[in-house]
């Protein structure tokens, strides 16, 4: 089953719901957070970050759109956050819990 997409309008700093870590800092995307699957900036458009967990699913993720990526991901407990950031457009953030 594809990951659910949760749509919100939000202008503040985002945090991972699984780790509590900020998604981004002044230095860019927090690549140390293993619960963060990807960051896709709609105004760019393109991926700013892709977690190595996803490259195991498909090595060509950078050429996928969000809908196609969503259809191929089946990570239990994961979801995609669609964030309307007003003038910056729509951004997408994938999150999933760490499983052992």
PDB file of N, CA and C in Angstrom:
ATOM      1  N   UNK A   1       0.848  -1.178   0.000  1.00  0.00           N
ATOM      2  CA  UNK A   1       0.000   0.000   0.000  1.00  0.00           C
ATOM      3  C   UNK A   1       0.895   1.243   0.000  1.00  0.00           C
ATOM      4  N   UNK A   2       0.588   2.208  -0.849  1.00  0.00           N
ATOM      5  CA  UNK A   2       1.385   3.447  -0.896  1.00  0.00           C
ATOM      6  C   UNK A   2       1.325   4.188   0.439  1.00  0.00           C
ATOM      7  N   UNK A   3       2.334   5.001   0.660  1.00  0.00           N
ATOM      8  CA  UNK A   3       2.367   5.806   1.879  1.00  0.00           C
ATOM      9  C   UNK A   3       1.254   6.846   1.837  1.00  0.00           C
ATOM     10  N   UNK A   4       0.593   7.091   2.958  1.00  0.00           N
ATOM     11  CA  UNK A   4      -0.406   8.154   2.982  1.00  0.00           C
ATOM     12  C   UNK A   4       0.266   9.519   2.829  1.00  0.00           C
ATOM     13  N   UNK A   5      -0.443  10.440   2.203  1.00  0.00           N
ATOM     14  CA  UNK A   5       0.041  11.811   2.044  1.00  0.00           C
ATOM     15  C   UNK A   5      -0.792  12.704   2.952  1.00  0.00           C
ATOM     16  N   UNK A   6      -0.119  13.380   3.865  1.00  0.00           N
ATOM     17  CA  UNK A   6      -0.769  14.295   4.802  1.00  0.00           C
ATOM     18  C   UNK A   6      -0.488  15.713   4.327  1.00  0.00           C
ATOM     19  N   UNK A   7      -1.547  16.479   4.062  1.00  0.00           N
ATOM     20  CA  UNK A   7      -1.404  17.843   3.542  1.00  0.00           C
ATOM     21  C   UNK A   7      -1.594  18.846   4.664  1.00  0.00           C
ATOM     22  N   UNK A   8      -0.616  19.776   4.769  1.00  0.00           N
ATOM     23  CA  UNK A   8      -0.722  20.834   5.772  1.00  0.00           C
ATOM     24  C   UNK A   8      -0.243  22.162   5.169  1.00  0.00           C
ATOM     25  N   UNK A   9      -0.646  23.240   5.804  1.00  0.00           N
ATOM     26  CA  UNK A   9      -0.132  24.573   5.500  1.00  0.00           C
ATOM     27  C   UNK A   9       0.708  24.956   6.703  1.00  0.00           C
ATOM     28  N   UNK A  10       2.020  25.158   6.499  1.00  0.00           N
ATOM     29  CA  UNK A  10       2.924  25.360   7.630  1.00  0.00           C
ATOM     30  C   UNK A  10       4.086  26.225   7.198  1.00  0.00           C
ATOM     31  N   UNK A  11       4.457  27.198   8.018  1.00  0.00           N
ATOM     32  CA  UNK A  11       5.523  28.129   7.667  1.00  0.00           C
ATOM     33  C   UNK A  11       6.707  28.086   8.629  1.00  0.00           C
ATOM     34  N   UNK A  12       6.660  27.221   9.617  1.00  0.00           N
ATOM     35  CA  UNK A  12       7.703  27.188  10.641  1.00  0.00           C
ATOM     36  C   UNK A  12       8.651  26.014  10.392  1.00  0.00           C
ATOM     37  N   UNK A  13       9.563  25.796  11.308  1.00  0.00           N
ATOM     38  CA  UNK A  13      10.542  24.720  11.211  1.00  0.00           C
ATOM     39  C   UNK A  13       9.859  23.371  11.416  1.00  0.00           C
ATOM     40  N   UNK A  14      10.187  22.397  10.541  1.00  0.00           N
ATOM     41  CA  UNK A  14       9.635  21.051  10.650  1.00  0.00           C
ATOM     42  C   UNK A  14      10.573  20.139  11.436  1.00  0.00           C
ATOM     43  N   UNK A  15       9.954  19.191  12.153  1.00  0.00           N
ATOM     44  CA  UNK A  15      10.695  18.189  12.908  1.00  0.00           C
ATOM     45  C   UNK A  15      10.172  16.809  12.526  1.00  0.00           C
ATOM     46  N   UNK A  16      11.042  15.833  12.558  1.00  0.00           N
ATOM     47  CA  UNK A  16      10.614  14.464  12.289  1.00  0.00           C
ATOM     48  C   UNK A  16       9.710  13.994  13.423  1.00  0.00           C
ATOM     49  N   UNK A  17       8.557  13.428  13.105  1.00  0.00           N
ATOM     50  CA  UNK A  17       7.681  12.925  14.161  1.00  0.00           C
ATOM     51  C   UNK A  17       8.229  11.665  14.824  1.00  0.00           C
ATOM     52  N   UNK A  18       9.202  11.023  14.212  1.00  0.00           N
ATOM     53  CA  UNK A  18       9.758   9.783  14.769  1.00  0.00           C
ATOM     54  C   UNK A  18      11.019  10.012  15.599  1.00  0.00           C
ATOM     55  N   UNK A  19      11.843  10.955  15.195  1.00  0.00           N
ATOM     56  CA  UNK A  19      13.099  11.198  15.918  1.00  0.00           C
ATOM     57  C   UNK A  19      13.071  12.473  16.748  1.00  0.00           C
ATOM     58  N   UNK A  20      12.198  13.418  16.379  1.00  0.00           N
ATOM     59  CA  UNK A  20      12.168  14.715  17.056  1.00  0.00           C
ATOM     60  C   UNK A  20      13.236  15.670  16.564  1.00  0.00           C
ATOM     61  N   UNK A  21      14.039  15.239  15.596  1.00  0.00           N
ATOM     62  CA  UNK A  21      15.110  16.076  15.056  1.00  0.00           C
ATOM     63  C   UNK A  21      14.569  17.041  14.009  1.00  0.00           C
ATOM     64  N   UNK A  22      15.173  18.238  13.900  1.00  0.00           N
ATOM     65  CA  UNK A  22      14.742  19.169  12.858  1.00  0.00           C
ATOM     66  C   UNK A  22      15.064  18.604  11.474  1.00  0.00           C
ATOM     67  N   UNK A  23      14.180  18.856  10.531  1.00  0.00           N
ATOM     68  CA  UNK A  23      14.381  18.386   9.163  1.00  0.00           C
ATOM     69  C   UNK A  23      15.495  19.178   8.493  1.00  0.00           C
ATOM     70  N   UNK A  24      15.556  20.474   8.789  1.00  0.00           N
ATOM     71  CA  UNK A  24      16.537  21.348   8.154  1.00  0.00           C
ATOM     72  C   UNK A  24      17.163  22.279   9.178  1.00  0.00           C
ATOM     73  N   UNK A  25      18.348  22.762   8.837  1.00  0.00           N
ATOM     74  CA  UNK A  25      19.026  23.782   9.631  1.00  0.00           C
ATOM     75  C   UNK A  25      19.565  24.828   8.662  1.00  0.00           C
ATOM     76  N   UNK A  26      20.333  25.755   9.169  1.00  0.00           N
ATOM     77  CA  UNK A  26      20.934  26.764   8.298  1.00  0.00           C
ATOM     78  C   UNK A  26      21.915  26.139   7.310  1.00  0.00           C
ATOM     79  N   UNK A  27      22.412  24.948   7.647  1.00  0.00           N
ATOM     80  CA  UNK A  27      23.368  24.249   6.789  1.00  0.00           C
ATOM     81  C   UNK A  27      22.696  23.363   5.748  1.00  0.00           C
ATOM     82  N   UNK A  28      21.376  23.255   5.779  1.00  0.00           N
ATOM     83  CA  UNK A  28      20.653  22.425   4.815  1.00  0.00           C
ATOM     84  C   UNK A  28      19.888  21.303   5.491  1.00  0.00           C
ATOM     85  N   UNK A  29      19.601  20.265   4.720  1.00  0.00           N
ATOM     86  CA  UNK A  29      18.819  19.125   5.194  1.00  0.00           C
ATOM     87  C   UNK A  29      19.624  18.325   6.220  1.00  0.00           C
ATOM     88  N   UNK A  30      18.936  17.857   7.258  1.00  0.00           N
ATOM     89  CA  UNK A  30      19.567  17.047   8.299  1.00  0.00           C
ATOM     90  C   UNK A  30      19.735  15.609   7.795  1.00  0.00           C
ATOM     91  N   UNK A  31      20.850  15.328   7.178  1.00  0.00           N
ATOM     92  CA  UNK A  31      21.109  14.017   6.598  1.00  0.00           C
ATOM     93  C   UNK A  31      21.441  12.970   7.657  1.00  0.00           C
ATOM     94  N   UNK A  32      21.592  13.367   8.911  1.00  0.00           N
ATOM     95  CA  UNK A  32      21.885  12.420   9.984  1.00  0.00           C
ATOM     96  C   UNK A  32      20.638  11.783  10.569  1.00  0.00           C
ATOM     97  N   UNK A  33      19.464  12.282  10.201  1.00  0.00           N
ATOM     98  CA  UNK A  33      18.205  11.735  10.704  1.00  0.00           C
ATOM     99  C   UNK A  33      17.774  10.579   9.815  1.00  0.00           C
ATOM    100  N   UNK A  34      17.868   9.370  10.306  1.00  0.00           N
ATOM    101  CA  UNK A  34      17.544   8.171   9.523  1.00  0.00           C
ATOM    102  C   UNK A  34      16.042   7.982   9.317  1.00  0.00           C
ATOM    103  N   UNK A  35      15.214   8.745  10.054  1.00  0.00           N
ATOM    104  CA  UNK A  35      13.767   8.652   9.860  1.00  0.00           C
ATOM    105  C   UNK A  35      13.284   9.528   8.708  1.00  0.00           C
ATOM    106  N   UNK A  36      14.129  10.415   8.234  1.00  0.00           N
ATOM    107  CA  UNK A  36      13.810  11.279   7.106  1.00  0.00           C
ATOM    108  C   UNK A  36      14.144  10.536   5.819  1.00  0.00           C
ATOM    109  N   UNK A  37      13.137  10.240   5.004  1.00  0.00           N
ATOM    110  CA  UNK A  37      13.336   9.468   3.777  1.00  0.00           C
ATOM    111  C   UNK A  37      13.777  10.328   2.610  1.00  0.00           C
ATOM    112  N   UNK A  38      13.156  11.486   2.472  1.00  0.00           N
ATOM    113  CA  UNK A  38      13.507  12.377   1.370  1.00  0.00           C
ATOM    114  C   UNK A  38      12.974  13.772   1.642  1.00  0.00           C
ATOM    115  N   UNK A  39      13.547  14.736   0.916  1.00  0.00           N
ATOM    116  CA  UNK A  39      13.045  16.107   0.893  1.00  0.00           C
ATOM    117  C   UNK A  39      12.954  16.502  -0.574  1.00  0.00           C
ATOM    118  N   UNK A  40      11.768  16.946  -0.976  1.00  0.00           N
ATOM    119  CA  UNK A  40      11.529  17.363  -2.358  1.00  0.00           C
ATOM    120  C   UNK A  40      10.982  18.781  -2.328  1.00  0.00           C
ATOM    121  N   UNK A  41      11.701  19.710  -2.945  1.00  0.00           N
ATOM    122  CA  UNK A  41      11.257  21.107  -2.992  1.00  0.00           C
ATOM    123  C   UNK A  41      10.510  21.353  -4.295  1.00  0.00           C
ATOM    124  N   UNK A  42       9.243  21.733  -4.173  1.00  0.00           N
ATOM    125  CA  UNK A  42       8.409  21.945  -5.344  1.00  0.00           C
ATOM    126  C   UNK A  42       8.793  23.157  -6.162  1.00  0.00           C
ATOM    127  N   UNK A  43       9.362  24.190  -5.553  1.00  0.00           N
ATOM    128  CA  UNK A  43       9.727  25.376  -6.309  1.00  0.00           C
ATOM    129  C   UNK A  43      11.057  25.196  -7.027  1.00  0.00           C
ATOM    130  N   UNK A  44      11.814  24.189  -6.644  1.00  0.00           N
ATOM    131  CA  UNK A  44      13.131  23.944  -7.239  1.00  0.00           C
ATOM    132  C   UNK A  44      13.018  23.426  -8.670  1.00  0.00           C
ATOM    133  N   UNK A  45      12.221  22.550  -9.152  1.00  0.00           N
ATOM    134  CA  UNK A  45      11.723  21.389  -8.425  1.00  0.00           C
ATOM    135  C   UNK A  45      12.755  20.276  -8.437  1.00  0.00           C
ATOM    136  N   UNK A  46      12.760  19.521  -7.381  1.00  0.00           N
ATOM    137  CA  UNK A  46      13.653  18.386  -7.310  1.00  0.00           C
ATOM    138  C   UNK A  46      13.966  17.966  -5.892  1.00  0.00           C
ATOM    139  N   UNK A  47      14.646  16.851  -5.788  1.00  0.00           N
ATOM    140  CA  UNK A  47      15.015  16.301  -4.492  1.00  0.00           C
ATOM    141  C   UNK A  47      16.242  17.016  -3.942  1.00  0.00           C
ATOM    142  N   UNK A  48      16.140  17.453  -2.694  1.00  0.00           N
ATOM    143  CA  UNK A  48      17.285  18.037  -2.001  1.00  0.00           C
ATOM    144  C   UNK A  48      18.005  16.963  -1.200  1.00  0.00           C
ATOM    145  N   UNK A  49      17.273  15.875  -0.909  1.00  0.00           N
ATOM    146  CA  UNK A  49      17.857  14.793  -0.119  1.00  0.00           C
ATOM    147  C   UNK A  49      17.098  13.506  -0.394  1.00  0.00           C
ATOM    148  N   UNK A  50      17.843  12.405  -0.521  1.00  0.00           N
ATOM    149  CA  UNK A  50      17.260  11.071  -0.642  1.00  0.00           C
ATOM    150  C   UNK A  50      18.035  10.147   0.290  1.00  0.00           C
ATOM    151  N   UNK A  51      17.340   9.555   1.244  1.00  0.00           N
ATOM    152  CA  UNK A  51      17.942   8.650   2.210  1.00  0.00           C
ATOM    153  C   UNK A  51      18.396   7.373   1.510  1.00  0.00           C
ATOM    154  N   UNK A  52      19.485   6.816   1.971  1.00  0.00           N
ATOM    155  CA  UNK A  52      20.012   5.582   1.373  1.00  0.00           C
ATOM    156  C   UNK A  52      19.012   4.432   1.470  1.00  0.00           C
ATOM    157  N   UNK A  53      18.060   4.499   2.401  1.00  0.00           N
ATOM    158  CA  UNK A  53      17.009   3.476   2.488  1.00  0.00           C
ATOM    159  C   UNK A  53      16.187   3.426   1.203  1.00  0.00           C
ATOM    160  N   UNK A  54      16.057   4.559   0.527  1.00  0.00           N
ATOM    161  CA  UNK A  54      15.266   4.595  -0.701  1.00  0.00           C
ATOM    162  C   UNK A  54      16.051   4.155  -1.920  1.00  0.00           C
ATOM    163  N   UNK A  55      17.343   4.359  -1.915  1.00  0.00           N
ATOM    164  CA  UNK A  55      18.126   3.939  -3.073  1.00  0.00           C
ATOM    165  C   UNK A  55      18.146   2.422  -3.190  1.00  0.00           C
ATOM    166  N   UNK A  56      17.857   1.725  -2.080  1.00  0.00           N
ATOM    167  CA  UNK A  56      17.726   0.270  -2.134  1.00  0.00           C
ATOM    168  C   UNK A  56      16.462  -0.130  -2.863  1.00  0.00           C
ATOM    169  N   UNK A  57      15.423   0.729  -2.837  1.00  0.00           N
ATOM    170  CA  UNK A  57      14.167   0.458  -3.523  1.00  0.00           C
ATOM    171  C   UNK A  57      14.336   0.656  -5.027  1.00  0.00           C
ATOM    172  N   UNK A  58      14.983   1.737  -5.403  1.00  0.00           N
ATOM    173  CA  UNK A  58      15.206   2.056  -6.813  1.00  0.00           C
ATOM    174  C   UNK A  58      16.395   3.003  -6.903  1.00  0.00           C
ATOM    175  N   UNK A  59      17.302   2.713  -7.778  1.00  0.00           N
ATOM    176  CA  UNK A  59      18.477   3.560  -7.932  1.00  0.00           C
ATOM    177  C   UNK A  59      18.218   4.831  -8.713  1.00  0.00           C
ATOM    178  N   UNK A  60      17.040   4.968  -9.316  1.00  0.00           N
ATOM    179  CA  UNK A  60      16.743   6.101 -10.191  1.00  0.00           C
ATOM    180  C   UNK A  60      15.647   6.996  -9.611  1.00  0.00           C
ATOM    181  N   UNK A  61      15.658   7.183  -8.318  1.00  0.00           N
ATOM    182  CA  UNK A  61      14.603   7.939  -7.651  1.00  0.00           C
ATOM    183  C   UNK A  61      14.593   9.403  -8.057  1.00  0.00           C
ATOM    184  N   UNK A  62      15.741   9.979  -8.329  1.00  0.00           N
ATOM    185  CA  UNK A  62      15.811  11.409  -8.639  1.00  0.00           C
ATOM    186  C   UNK A  62      14.987  11.786  -9.863  1.00  0.00           C
ATOM    187  N   UNK A  63      14.699  10.828 -10.722  1.00  0.00           N
ATOM    188  CA  UNK A  63      13.920  11.113 -11.925  1.00  0.00           C
ATOM    189  C   UNK A  63      12.430  10.829 -11.756  1.00  0.00           C
ATOM    190  N   UNK A  64      12.009  10.443 -10.557  1.00  0.00           N
ATOM    191  CA  UNK A  64      10.605  10.167 -10.296  1.00  0.00           C
ATOM    192  C   UNK A  64       9.895  11.414  -9.790  1.00  0.00           C
ATOM    193  N   UNK A  65       8.595  11.490 -10.058  1.00  0.00           N
ATOM    194  CA  UNK A  65       7.798  12.531  -9.426  1.00  0.00           C
ATOM    195  C   UNK A  65       7.252  11.967  -8.108  1.00  0.00           C
ATOM    196  N   UNK A  66       6.656  12.800  -7.306  1.00  0.00           N
ATOM    197  CA  UNK A  66       6.192  12.390  -5.986  1.00  0.00           C
ATOM    198  C   UNK A  66       5.150  11.287  -6.076  1.00  0.00           C
ATOM    199  N   UNK A  67       4.234  11.386  -6.998  1.00  0.00           N
ATOM    200  CA  UNK A  67       3.183  10.376  -7.127  1.00  0.00           C
ATOM    201  C   UNK A  67       3.770   9.007  -7.467  1.00  0.00           C
ATOM    202  N   UNK A  68       4.733   8.966  -8.363  1.00  0.00           N
ATOM    203  CA  UNK A  68       5.377   7.699  -8.728  1.00  0.00           C
ATOM    204  C   UNK A  68       6.171   7.136  -7.560  1.00  0.00           C
ATOM    205  N   UNK A  69       6.885   7.998  -6.865  1.00  0.00           N
ATOM    206  CA  UNK A  69       7.654   7.560  -5.703  1.00  0.00           C
ATOM    207  C   UNK A  69       6.717   7.018  -4.638  1.00  0.00           C
ATOM    208  N   UNK A  70       5.622   7.710  -4.412  1.00  0.00           N
ATOM    209  CA  UNK A  70       4.644   7.291  -3.415  1.00  0.00           C
ATOM    210  C   UNK A  70       4.103   5.891  -3.731  1.00  0.00           C
ATOM    211  N   UNK A  71       3.867   5.601  -4.986  1.00  0.00           N
ATOM    212  CA  UNK A  71       3.326   4.309  -5.381  1.00  0.00           C
ATOM    213  C   UNK A  71       4.310   3.161  -5.143  1.00  0.00           C
ATOM    214  N   UNK A  72       5.595   3.447  -5.183  1.00  0.00           N
ATOM    215  CA  UNK A  72       6.573   2.370  -5.020  1.00  0.00           C
ATOM    216  C   UNK A  72       7.003   2.156  -3.568  1.00  0.00           C
ATOM    217  N   UNK A  73       6.721   3.106  -2.689  1.00  0.00           N
ATOM    218  CA  UNK A  73       7.123   2.974  -1.284  1.00  0.00           C
ATOM    219  C   UNK A  73       6.051   2.244  -0.476  1.00  0.00           C
ATOM    220  N   UNK A  74       6.469   1.261   0.280  1.00  0.00           N
ATOM    221  CA  UNK A  74       5.544   0.503   1.125  1.00  0.00           C
ATOM    222  C   UNK A  74       6.171   0.269   2.493  1.00  0.00           C
ATOM    223  N   UNK A  75       6.619   1.323   3.125  1.00  0.00           N
ATOM    224  CA  UNK A  75       7.292   1.228   4.418  1.00  0.00           C
ATOM    225  C   UNK A  75       6.252   1.349   5.532  1.00  0.00           C
ATOM    226  N   UNK A  76       6.166   0.323   6.366  1.00  0.00           N
ATOM    227  CA  UNK A  76       5.195   0.329   7.461  1.00  0.00           C
ATOM    228  C   UNK A  76       5.395   1.539   8.363  1.00  0.00           C
ATOM    229  N   UNK A  77       4.312   2.263   8.617  1.00  0.00           N
ATOM    230  CA  UNK A  77       4.351   3.417   9.502  1.00  0.00           C
ATOM    231  C   UNK A  77       4.815   4.696   8.838  1.00  0.00           C
ATOM    232  N   UNK A  78       5.247   4.621   7.577  1.00  0.00           N
ATOM    233  CA  UNK A  78       5.752   5.798   6.882  1.00  0.00           C
ATOM    234  C   UNK A  78       4.640   6.650   6.312  1.00  0.00           C
ATOM    235  N   UNK A  79       4.966   7.892   6.007  1.00  0.00           N
ATOM    236  CA  UNK A  79       4.009   8.790   5.357  1.00  0.00           C
ATOM    237  C   UNK A  79       4.766   9.917   4.671  1.00  0.00           C
ATOM    238  N   UNK A  80       4.060  10.604   3.795  1.00  0.00           N
ATOM    239  CA  UNK A  80       4.600  11.771   3.106  1.00  0.00           C
ATOM    240  C   UNK A  80       3.863  13.002   3.609  1.00  0.00           C
ATOM    241  N   UNK A  81       4.616  14.008   3.974  1.00  0.00           N
ATOM    242  CA  UNK A  81       4.050  15.268   4.424  1.00  0.00           C
ATOM    243  C   UNK A  81       4.127  16.259   3.264  1.00  0.00           C
ATOM    244  N   UNK A  82       2.967  16.701   2.786  1.00  0.00           N
ATOM    245  CA  UNK A  82       2.890  17.713   1.726  1.00  0.00           C
ATOM    246  C   UNK A  82       2.657  19.053   2.417  1.00  0.00           C
ATOM    247  N   UNK A  83       3.637  19.942   2.304  1.00  0.00           N
ATOM    248  CA  UNK A  83       3.602  21.193   3.049  1.00  0.00           C
ATOM    249  C   UNK A  83       3.453  22.374   2.096  1.00  0.00           C
ATOM    250  N   UNK A  84       2.352  23.094   2.248  1.00  0.00           N
ATOM    251  CA  UNK A  84       2.131  24.334   1.500  1.00  0.00           C
ATOM    252  C   UNK A  84       2.845  25.438   2.266  1.00  0.00           C
ATOM    253  N   UNK A  85       3.881  26.016   1.643  1.00  0.00           N
ATOM    254  CA  UNK A  85       4.694  27.041   2.304  1.00  0.00           C
ATOM    255  C   UNK A  85       4.426  28.435   1.738  1.00  0.00           C
ATOM    256  N   UNK A  86       3.216  28.644   1.267  1.00  0.00           N
ATOM    257  CA  UNK A  86       2.816  29.919   0.670  1.00  0.00           C
ATOM    258  C   UNK A  86       3.640  30.221  -0.573  1.00  0.00           C
ATOM    259  N   UNK A  87       4.384  31.300  -0.566  1.00  0.00           N
ATOM    260  CA  UNK A  87       5.077  31.749  -1.770  1.00  0.00           C
ATOM    261  C   UNK A  87       6.217  30.825  -2.184  1.00  0.00           C
ATOM    262  N   UNK A  88       6.697  29.956  -1.290  1.00  0.00           N
ATOM    263  CA  UNK A  88       7.739  28.996  -1.648  1.00  0.00           C
ATOM    264  C   UNK A  88       7.176  27.754  -2.315  1.00  0.00           C
ATOM    265  N   UNK A  89       5.867  27.648  -2.417  1.00  0.00           N
ATOM    266  CA  UNK A  89       5.253  26.512  -3.092  1.00  0.00           C
ATOM    267  C   UNK A  89       5.002  25.332  -2.179  1.00  0.00           C
ATOM    268  N   UNK A  90       4.912  24.163  -2.802  1.00  0.00           N
ATOM    269  CA  UNK A  90       4.616  22.921  -2.100  1.00  0.00           C
ATOM    270  C   UNK A  90       5.895  22.096  -1.983  1.00  0.00           C
ATOM    271  N   UNK A  91       6.203  21.677  -0.776  1.00  0.00           N
ATOM    272  CA  UNK A  91       7.352  20.807  -0.521  1.00  0.00           C
ATOM    273  C   UNK A  91       6.859  19.481   0.024  1.00  0.00           C
ATOM    274  N   UNK A  92       7.647  18.431  -0.199  1.00  0.00           N
ATOM    275  CA  UNK A  92       7.287  17.089   0.248  1.00  0.00           C
ATOM    276  C   UNK A  92       8.406  16.514   1.095  1.00  0.00           C
ATOM    277  N   UNK A  93       8.014  15.884   2.202  1.00  0.00           N
ATOM    278  CA  UNK A  93       8.958  15.276   3.136  1.00  0.00           C
ATOM    279  C   UNK A  93       8.477  13.862   3.439  1.00  0.00           C
ATOM    280  N   UNK A  94       9.343  12.888   3.253  1.00  0.00           N
ATOM    281  CA  UNK A  94       8.999  11.503   3.580  1.00  0.00           C
ATOM    282  C   UNK A  94       9.584  11.124   4.920  1.00  0.00           C
ATOM    283  N   UNK A  95       8.773  10.455   5.748  1.00  0.00           N
ATOM    284  CA  UNK A  95       9.214  10.010   7.065  1.00  0.00           C
ATOM    285  C   UNK A  95       8.830   8.547   7.259  1.00  0.00           C
ATOM    286  N   UNK A  96       9.641   7.826   7.998  1.00  0.00           N
ATOM    287  CA  UNK A  96       9.310   6.445   8.377  1.00  0.00           C
ATOM    288  C   UNK A  96      10.110   6.089   9.616  1.00  0.00           C
ATOM    289  N   UNK A  97       9.506   5.272  10.479  1.00  0.00           N
ATOM    290  CA  UNK A  97      10.216   4.859  11.682  1.00  0.00           C
ATOM    291  C   UNK A  97      11.379   3.929  11.306  1.00  0.00           C
ATOM    292  N   UNK A  98      12.352   3.873  12.182  1.00  0.00           N
ATOM    293  CA  UNK A  98      13.461   2.937  12.022  1.00  0.00           C
ATOM    294  C   UNK A  98      13.023   1.593  12.574  1.00  0.00           C
ATOM    295  N   UNK A  99      13.177   0.561  11.786  1.00  0.00           N
ATOM    296  CA  UNK A  99      12.850  -0.781  12.249  1.00  0.00           C
ATOM    297  C   UNK A  99      14.127  -1.611  12.285  1.00  0.00           C
ATOM    298  N   UNK A 100      14.212  -2.469  13.252  1.00  0.00           N
ATOM    299  CA  UNK A 100      15.416  -3.306  13.385  1.00  0.00           C
ATOM    300  C   UNK A 100      15.281  -4.594  12.623  1.00  0.00           C
TER     301      UNK A 100
END
